[in-house]
């Protein structure tokens, strides 16, 4: 594992927040591109506190640590269970999301020692489960890109489909297949920074994923 796909600012933020209590788990795109697959870059850091109902004082402590280190920190969105910061260091910007996640992890996270600090990182299988659930609620190309990369790396598709309802009671393969019908990589390619060829390949993966979901969700 290596964090070479994370930016200097992202790595600095992780170091500054590594000793927060209770400890957090890095998940989502940053976990994938920094520690598992390294298949793209990301502007975000997603820090989850599993089995926690509210964030409590964690946003205040996070902002204090980052500000004390000389970073410019702006609260973009605040909620008892979700807090988003925009963190700036000169021209470099990173979005930091703090999330209280009451649902426990399905798969045990991994602890990684990097540059003298310990970071807990969600496993690829856990992230696949989360990404499938996320596709139900938002139409973002990056989630489809991540699902494709996870499956190509050997993640367990059938296992993730079985685990997803434990994270989202409304999840089913048929519902996700229906939602994916309206996700059009070609129309979103420009905003996502994809070439026409990349968008076409992703669209073919979307069509295959829909087919696989329909097969998985059809009795018999």
C-alpha atoms as a PDB file:
ATOM      1  CA  UNK A   1       0.000   0.000   0.000  1.00  0.00           C
ATOM      2  CA  UNK A   2       1.107   3.557  -0.604  1.00  0.00           C
ATOM      3  CA  UNK A   3      -0.408   6.986  -0.261  1.00  0.00           C
ATOM      4  CA  UNK A   4       1.297   8.400  -3.357  1.00  0.00           C
ATOM      5  CA  UNK A   5      -2.026   9.146  -5.073  1.00  0.00           C
ATOM      6  CA  UNK A   6      -3.005  11.530  -2.278  1.00  0.00           C
ATOM      7  CA  UNK A   7      -1.897  15.154  -2.522  1.00  0.00           C
ATOM      8  CA  UNK A   8       0.539  16.683  -0.024  1.00  0.00           C
ATOM      9  CA  UNK A   9      -2.360  18.593   1.552  1.00  0.00           C
ATOM     10  CA  UNK A  10      -4.493  15.460   1.865  1.00  0.00           C
ATOM     11  CA  UNK A  11      -1.656  13.566   3.501  1.00  0.00           C
ATOM     12  CA  UNK A  12      -0.970  16.505   5.836  1.00  0.00           C
ATOM     13  CA  UNK A  13      -4.627  16.558   6.916  1.00  0.00           C
ATOM     14  CA  UNK A  14      -4.584  12.820   7.626  1.00  0.00           C
ATOM     15  CA  UNK A  15      -1.480  13.202   9.793  1.00  0.00           C
ATOM     16  CA  UNK A  16      -2.969  16.135  11.711  1.00  0.00           C
ATOM     17  CA  UNK A  17      -6.192  14.261  12.420  1.00  0.00           C
ATOM     18  CA  UNK A  18      -4.724  10.791  12.961  1.00  0.00           C
ATOM     19  CA  UNK A  19      -4.878  11.001  16.770  1.00  0.00           C
ATOM     20  CA  UNK A  20      -8.464  12.237  17.057  1.00  0.00           C
ATOM     21  CA  UNK A  21     -10.514  10.329  19.621  1.00  0.00           C
ATOM     22  CA  UNK A  22     -12.547   8.327  19.016  1.00  0.00           C
ATOM     23  CA  UNK A  23     -10.629   7.188  15.919  1.00  0.00           C
ATOM     24  CA  UNK A  24     -12.076   7.522  12.428  1.00  0.00           C
ATOM     25  CA  UNK A  25     -11.933   5.291   9.345  1.00  0.00           C
ATOM     26  CA  UNK A  26     -10.881   6.589   5.928  1.00  0.00           C
ATOM     27  CA  UNK A  27     -13.290   5.379   3.264  1.00  0.00           C
ATOM     28  CA  UNK A  28     -14.589   6.236  -0.203  1.00  0.00           C
ATOM     29  CA  UNK A  29     -12.462   7.526  -3.037  1.00  0.00           C
ATOM     30  CA  UNK A  30      -9.478   8.554  -0.911  1.00  0.00           C
ATOM     31  CA  UNK A  31      -9.176   5.066   0.561  1.00  0.00           C
ATOM     32  CA  UNK A  32      -9.353   3.543  -2.916  1.00  0.00           C
ATOM     33  CA  UNK A  33      -6.989   5.852  -4.761  1.00  0.00           C
ATOM     34  CA  UNK A  34      -4.554   6.371  -1.926  1.00  0.00           C
ATOM     35  CA  UNK A  35      -4.272   2.884  -0.485  1.00  0.00           C
ATOM     36  CA  UNK A  36      -5.966   0.223  -2.617  1.00  0.00           C
ATOM     37  CA  UNK A  37      -6.393   0.761  -6.365  1.00  0.00           C
ATOM     38  CA  UNK A  38      -4.703   4.079  -7.269  1.00  0.00           C
ATOM     39  CA  UNK A  39      -6.920   4.268 -10.357  1.00  0.00           C
ATOM     40  CA  UNK A  40      -7.762   7.985 -10.214  1.00  0.00           C
ATOM     41  CA  UNK A  41      -7.314  11.081  -8.076  1.00  0.00           C
ATOM     42  CA  UNK A  42      -9.720  12.663  -5.616  1.00  0.00           C
ATOM     43  CA  UNK A  43     -10.326  16.079  -4.076  1.00  0.00           C
ATOM     44  CA  UNK A  44     -12.064  14.658  -1.004  1.00  0.00           C
ATOM     45  CA  UNK A  45     -11.301  12.910   2.262  1.00  0.00           C
ATOM     46  CA  UNK A  46     -14.176  10.921   3.812  1.00  0.00           C
ATOM     47  CA  UNK A  47     -13.684  10.266   7.535  1.00  0.00           C
ATOM     48  CA  UNK A  48     -16.310   7.953   9.048  1.00  0.00           C
ATOM     49  CA  UNK A  49     -17.041   7.179  12.677  1.00  0.00           C
ATOM     50  CA  UNK A  50     -18.795   3.812  12.481  1.00  0.00           C
ATOM     51  CA  UNK A  51     -21.466   2.901  15.027  1.00  0.00           C
ATOM     52  CA  UNK A  52     -21.785   6.509  16.168  1.00  0.00           C
ATOM     53  CA  UNK A  53     -25.086   8.412  16.205  1.00  0.00           C
ATOM     54  CA  UNK A  54     -23.711  11.989  16.188  1.00  0.00           C
ATOM     55  CA  UNK A  55     -20.412  13.761  15.643  1.00  0.00           C
ATOM     56  CA  UNK A  56     -20.588  15.736  18.873  1.00  0.00           C
ATOM     57  CA  UNK A  57     -17.474  17.870  19.397  1.00  0.00           C
ATOM     58  CA  UNK A  58     -15.492  16.216  16.586  1.00  0.00           C
ATOM     59  CA  UNK A  59     -16.058  18.999  13.996  1.00  0.00           C
ATOM     60  CA  UNK A  60     -14.871  21.631  16.477  1.00  0.00           C
ATOM     61  CA  UNK A  61     -11.789  19.594  17.372  1.00  0.00           C
ATOM     62  CA  UNK A  62     -11.057  18.938  13.687  1.00  0.00           C
ATOM     63  CA  UNK A  63     -11.255  22.607  12.773  1.00  0.00           C
ATOM     64  CA  UNK A  64      -9.075  23.587  15.735  1.00  0.00           C
ATOM     65  CA  UNK A  65      -6.310  21.159  14.742  1.00  0.00           C
ATOM     66  CA  UNK A  66      -6.284  22.186  11.102  1.00  0.00           C
ATOM     67  CA  UNK A  67      -6.418  25.900  11.872  1.00  0.00           C
ATOM     68  CA  UNK A  68      -3.614  25.608  14.434  1.00  0.00           C
ATOM     69  CA  UNK A  69      -1.467  24.074  11.689  1.00  0.00           C
ATOM     70  CA  UNK A  70      -1.920  27.180   9.555  1.00  0.00           C
ATOM     71  CA  UNK A  71      -4.561  25.835   7.178  1.00  0.00           C
ATOM     72  CA  UNK A  72      -7.551  27.898   6.052  1.00  0.00           C
ATOM     73  CA  UNK A  73     -10.695  26.022   7.137  1.00  0.00           C
ATOM     74  CA  UNK A  74     -14.256  26.894   6.115  1.00  0.00           C
ATOM     75  CA  UNK A  75     -17.380  25.036   7.244  1.00  0.00           C
ATOM     76  CA  UNK A  76     -19.466  24.314   4.135  1.00  0.00           C
ATOM     77  CA  UNK A  77     -22.194  22.116   5.599  1.00  0.00           C
ATOM     78  CA  UNK A  78     -23.050  21.339   9.203  1.00  0.00           C
ATOM     79  CA  UNK A  79     -25.321  18.714  10.711  1.00  0.00           C
ATOM     80  CA  UNK A  80     -25.214  16.542  13.849  1.00  0.00           C
ATOM     81  CA  UNK A  81     -24.276  13.527  11.708  1.00  0.00           C
ATOM     82  CA  UNK A  82     -22.416  15.202   8.810  1.00  0.00           C
ATOM     83  CA  UNK A  83     -19.930  18.042   8.608  1.00  0.00           C
ATOM     84  CA  UNK A  84     -18.106  19.285   5.503  1.00  0.00           C
ATOM     85  CA  UNK A  85     -14.995  21.461   5.607  1.00  0.00           C
ATOM     86  CA  UNK A  86     -13.206  23.205   2.779  1.00  0.00           C
ATOM     87  CA  UNK A  87      -9.518  23.135   3.687  1.00  0.00           C
ATOM     88  CA  UNK A  88      -7.100  25.377   1.799  1.00  0.00           C
ATOM     89  CA  UNK A  89      -3.336  25.670   1.817  1.00  0.00           C
ATOM     90  CA  UNK A  90      -2.232  28.228  -0.752  1.00  0.00           C
ATOM     91  CA  UNK A  91      -3.648  27.134  -4.122  1.00  0.00           C
ATOM     92  CA  UNK A  92      -4.403  23.589  -2.959  1.00  0.00           C
ATOM     93  CA  UNK A  93      -7.902  22.752  -1.731  1.00  0.00           C
ATOM     94  CA  UNK A  94      -9.358  19.611  -0.141  1.00  0.00           C
ATOM     95  CA  UNK A  95     -12.902  18.820   0.933  1.00  0.00           C
ATOM     96  CA  UNK A  96     -13.052  16.973   4.253  1.00  0.00           C
ATOM     97  CA  UNK A  97     -16.272  15.179   5.173  1.00  0.00           C
ATOM     98  CA  UNK A  98     -16.875  13.987   8.727  1.00  0.00           C
ATOM     99  CA  UNK A  99     -19.651  11.387   8.974  1.00  0.00           C
ATOM    100  CA  UNK A 100     -21.285   9.721  11.954  1.00  0.00           C
ATOM    101  CA  UNK A 101     -22.339   6.320  10.609  1.00  0.00           C
ATOM    102  CA  UNK A 102     -24.642   4.433  13.000  1.00  0.00           C
ATOM    103  CA  UNK A 103     -24.533   1.275  10.864  1.00  0.00           C
ATOM    104  CA  UNK A 104     -21.583  -0.996  11.722  1.00  0.00           C
ATOM    105  CA  UNK A 105     -19.034  -2.040   9.122  1.00  0.00           C
ATOM    106  CA  UNK A 106     -19.776  -5.265   7.288  1.00  0.00           C
ATOM    107  CA  UNK A 107     -16.090  -6.011   6.748  1.00  0.00           C
ATOM    108  CA  UNK A 108     -13.266  -5.295   9.165  1.00  0.00           C
ATOM    109  CA  UNK A 109     -11.202  -2.198   8.238  1.00  0.00           C
ATOM    110  CA  UNK A 110      -7.432  -2.312   7.908  1.00  0.00           C
ATOM    111  CA  UNK A 111      -4.882  -0.384   9.943  1.00  0.00           C
ATOM    112  CA  UNK A 112      -2.051   1.059   7.890  1.00  0.00           C
ATOM    113  CA  UNK A 113       1.197   2.506   9.261  1.00  0.00           C
ATOM    114  CA  UNK A 114       2.314   5.432   7.117  1.00  0.00           C
ATOM    115  CA  UNK A 115       4.983   8.020   7.874  1.00  0.00           C
ATOM    116  CA  UNK A 116       4.876   7.314  11.582  1.00  0.00           C
ATOM    117  CA  UNK A 117       1.088   7.441  12.030  1.00  0.00           C
ATOM    118  CA  UNK A 118      -1.629   4.793  12.030  1.00  0.00           C
ATOM    119  CA  UNK A 119      -4.605   5.192   9.697  1.00  0.00           C
ATOM    120  CA  UNK A 120      -7.628   2.919   9.675  1.00  0.00           C
ATOM    121  CA  UNK A 121      -8.867   2.324   6.122  1.00  0.00           C
ATOM    122  CA  UNK A 122     -12.027   0.589   4.937  1.00  0.00           C
ATOM    123  CA  UNK A 123     -11.443  -2.594   2.939  1.00  0.00           C
ATOM    124  CA  UNK A 124     -12.160  -2.681  -0.815  1.00  0.00           C
ATOM    125  CA  UNK A 125     -15.123  -5.006  -0.191  1.00  0.00           C
ATOM    126  CA  UNK A 126     -16.632  -2.600   2.342  1.00  0.00           C
ATOM    127  CA  UNK A 127     -16.214   0.269  -0.084  1.00  0.00           C
ATOM    128  CA  UNK A 128     -17.881  -1.731  -2.871  1.00  0.00           C
ATOM    129  CA  UNK A 129     -20.905  -2.281  -0.635  1.00  0.00           C
ATOM    130  CA  UNK A 130     -21.003   1.440   0.165  1.00  0.00           C
ATOM    131  CA  UNK A 131     -20.583   2.460  -3.481  1.00  0.00           C
ATOM    132  CA  UNK A 132     -23.476   0.264  -4.623  1.00  0.00           C
ATOM    133  CA  UNK A 133     -25.680   1.889  -1.987  1.00  0.00           C
ATOM    134  CA  UNK A 134     -24.438   5.358  -2.929  1.00  0.00           C
ATOM    135  CA  UNK A 135     -25.396   4.834  -6.570  1.00  0.00           C
ATOM    136  CA  UNK A 136     -29.007   4.653  -5.415  1.00  0.00           C
ATOM    137  CA  UNK A 137     -28.962   8.213  -4.137  1.00  0.00           C
ATOM    138  CA  UNK A 138     -26.669  10.162  -6.453  1.00  0.00           C
ATOM    139  CA  UNK A 139     -25.709  10.083 -10.113  1.00  0.00           C
ATOM    140  CA  UNK A 140     -21.958  10.645 -10.118  1.00  0.00           C
ATOM    141  CA  UNK A 141     -19.581   9.148 -12.636  1.00  0.00           C
ATOM    142  CA  UNK A 142     -16.862   8.626 -10.038  1.00  0.00           C
ATOM    143  CA  UNK A 143     -18.983   6.066  -8.180  1.00  0.00           C
ATOM    144  CA  UNK A 144     -19.471   4.037 -11.352  1.00  0.00           C
ATOM    145  CA  UNK A 145     -15.736   4.327 -12.103  1.00  0.00           C
ATOM    146  CA  UNK A 146     -14.969   3.024  -8.606  1.00  0.00           C
ATOM    147  CA  UNK A 147     -17.389   0.101  -8.848  1.00  0.00           C
ATOM    148  CA  UNK A 148     -15.835  -0.947 -12.164  1.00  0.00           C
ATOM    149  CA  UNK A 149     -12.308  -0.710 -10.744  1.00  0.00           C
ATOM    150  CA  UNK A 150     -13.274  -2.685  -7.645  1.00  0.00           C
ATOM    151  CA  UNK A 151     -14.875  -5.471  -9.662  1.00  0.00           C
ATOM    152  CA  UNK A 152     -11.914  -5.588 -12.056  1.00  0.00           C
ATOM    153  CA  UNK A 153      -9.605  -5.947  -9.039  1.00  0.00           C
ATOM    154  CA  UNK A 154     -11.493  -9.030  -7.854  1.00  0.00           C
ATOM    155  CA  UNK A 155     -14.030  -7.675  -5.339  1.00  0.00           C
ATOM    156  CA  UNK A 156     -16.975  -9.991  -4.659  1.00  0.00           C
ATOM    157  CA  UNK A 157     -20.032  -8.670  -6.537  1.00  0.00           C
ATOM    158  CA  UNK A 158     -22.530 -11.244  -5.268  1.00  0.00           C
ATOM    159  CA  UNK A 159     -21.279 -10.821  -1.718  1.00  0.00           C
ATOM    160  CA  UNK A 160     -21.640  -7.050  -1.956  1.00  0.00           C
ATOM    161  CA  UNK A 161     -25.228  -7.392  -3.226  1.00  0.00           C
ATOM    162  CA  UNK A 162     -26.014  -9.601  -0.241  1.00  0.00           C
ATOM    163  CA  UNK A 163     -24.396  -7.150   2.195  1.00  0.00           C
ATOM    164  CA  UNK A 164     -25.834  -3.909   0.780  1.00  0.00           C
ATOM    165  CA  UNK A 165     -29.291  -4.178   2.468  1.00  0.00           C
ATOM    166  CA  UNK A 166     -27.476  -4.197   5.812  1.00  0.00           C
ATOM    167  CA  UNK A 167     -26.321  -0.663   4.992  1.00  0.00           C
ATOM    168  CA  UNK A 168     -29.452   0.544   3.179  1.00  0.00           C
ATOM    169  CA  UNK A 169     -32.769  -1.210   3.846  1.00  0.00           C
ATOM    170  CA  UNK A 170     -34.105   0.121   0.532  1.00  0.00           C
ATOM    171  CA  UNK A 171     -31.392  -1.508  -1.538  1.00  0.00           C
ATOM    172  CA  UNK A 172     -32.153  -4.236  -4.044  1.00  0.00           C
ATOM    173  CA  UNK A 173     -30.440  -5.233  -7.301  1.00  0.00           C
ATOM    174  CA  UNK A 174     -33.581  -4.417  -9.276  1.00  0.00           C
ATOM    175  CA  UNK A 175     -33.902  -0.928  -7.792  1.00  0.00           C
ATOM    176  CA  UNK A 176     -30.248  -0.180  -8.535  1.00  0.00           C
ATOM    177  CA  UNK A 177     -30.643  -1.468 -12.093  1.00  0.00           C
ATOM    178  CA  UNK A 178     -33.585   0.918 -12.561  1.00  0.00           C
ATOM    179  CA  UNK A 179     -31.594   3.881 -11.200  1.00  0.00           C
ATOM    180  CA  UNK A 180     -28.597   3.112 -13.424  1.00  0.00           C
ATOM    181  CA  UNK A 181     -30.775   3.361 -16.524  1.00  0.00           C
ATOM    182  CA  UNK A 182     -30.739   7.145 -16.035  1.00  0.00           C
ATOM    183  CA  UNK A 183     -27.002   7.488 -15.395  1.00  0.00           C
ATOM    184  CA  UNK A 184     -25.468   8.539 -18.715  1.00  0.00           C
ATOM    185  CA  UNK A 185     -21.662   8.594 -18.743  1.00  0.00           C
ATOM    186  CA  UNK A 186     -21.520  10.134 -22.216  1.00  0.00           C
ATOM    187  CA  UNK A 187     -23.561  13.182 -21.231  1.00  0.00           C
ATOM    188  CA  UNK A 188     -21.554  13.659 -18.020  1.00  0.00           C
ATOM    189  CA  UNK A 189     -18.130  12.926 -19.515  1.00  0.00           C
ATOM    190  CA  UNK A 190     -17.010  16.538 -19.879  1.00  0.00           C
ATOM    191  CA  UNK A 191     -17.708  17.504 -16.282  1.00  0.00           C
ATOM    192  CA  UNK A 192     -16.061  14.292 -15.085  1.00  0.00           C
ATOM    193  CA  UNK A 193     -12.920  14.860 -17.159  1.00  0.00           C
ATOM    194  CA  UNK A 194     -13.439  11.720 -19.264  1.00  0.00           C
ATOM    195  CA  UNK A 195     -12.575  11.407 -22.928  1.00  0.00           C
ATOM    196  CA  UNK A 196     -15.234  10.237 -25.363  1.00  0.00           C
ATOM    197  CA  UNK A 197     -13.614   6.800 -25.548  1.00  0.00           C
ATOM    198  CA  UNK A 198     -13.491   6.517 -21.742  1.00  0.00           C
ATOM    199  CA  UNK A 199     -17.143   7.520 -21.506  1.00  0.00           C
ATOM    200  CA  UNK A 200     -18.111   4.889 -24.084  1.00  0.00           C
ATOM    201  CA  UNK A 201     -16.230   2.187 -22.180  1.00  0.00           C
ATOM    202  CA  UNK A 202     -17.875   3.245 -18.931  1.00  0.00           C
ATOM    203  CA  UNK A 203     -21.279   3.216 -20.588  1.00  0.00           C
ATOM    204  CA  UNK A 204     -20.696  -0.356 -21.755  1.00  0.00           C
ATOM    205  CA  UNK A 205     -19.794  -1.297 -18.184  1.00  0.00           C
ATOM    206  CA  UNK A 206     -22.994   0.396 -16.972  1.00  0.00           C
ATOM    207  CA  UNK A 207     -25.058  -1.675 -19.407  1.00  0.00           C
ATOM    208  CA  UNK A 208     -23.369  -4.893 -18.282  1.00  0.00           C
ATOM    209  CA  UNK A 209     -23.837  -3.948 -14.639  1.00  0.00           C
ATOM    210  CA  UNK A 210     -27.543  -3.388 -15.251  1.00  0.00           C
ATOM    211  CA  UNK A 211     -27.763  -6.826 -16.903  1.00  0.00           C
ATOM    212  CA  UNK A 212     -25.959  -8.472 -13.980  1.00  0.00           C
ATOM    213  CA  UNK A 213     -28.191  -6.689 -11.465  1.00  0.00           C
ATOM    214  CA  UNK A 214     -31.341  -7.790 -13.284  1.00  0.00           C
ATOM    215  CA  UNK A 215     -30.105 -11.375 -13.348  1.00  0.00           C
ATOM    216  CA  UNK A 216     -29.203 -11.260  -9.655  1.00  0.00           C
ATOM    217  CA  UNK A 217     -32.556  -9.760  -8.706  1.00  0.00           C
ATOM    218  CA  UNK A 218     -34.769 -12.076 -10.738  1.00  0.00           C
ATOM    219  CA  UNK A 219     -35.990 -15.171  -8.839  1.00  0.00           C
ATOM    220  CA  UNK A 220     -34.977 -18.459 -10.423  1.00  0.00           C
END
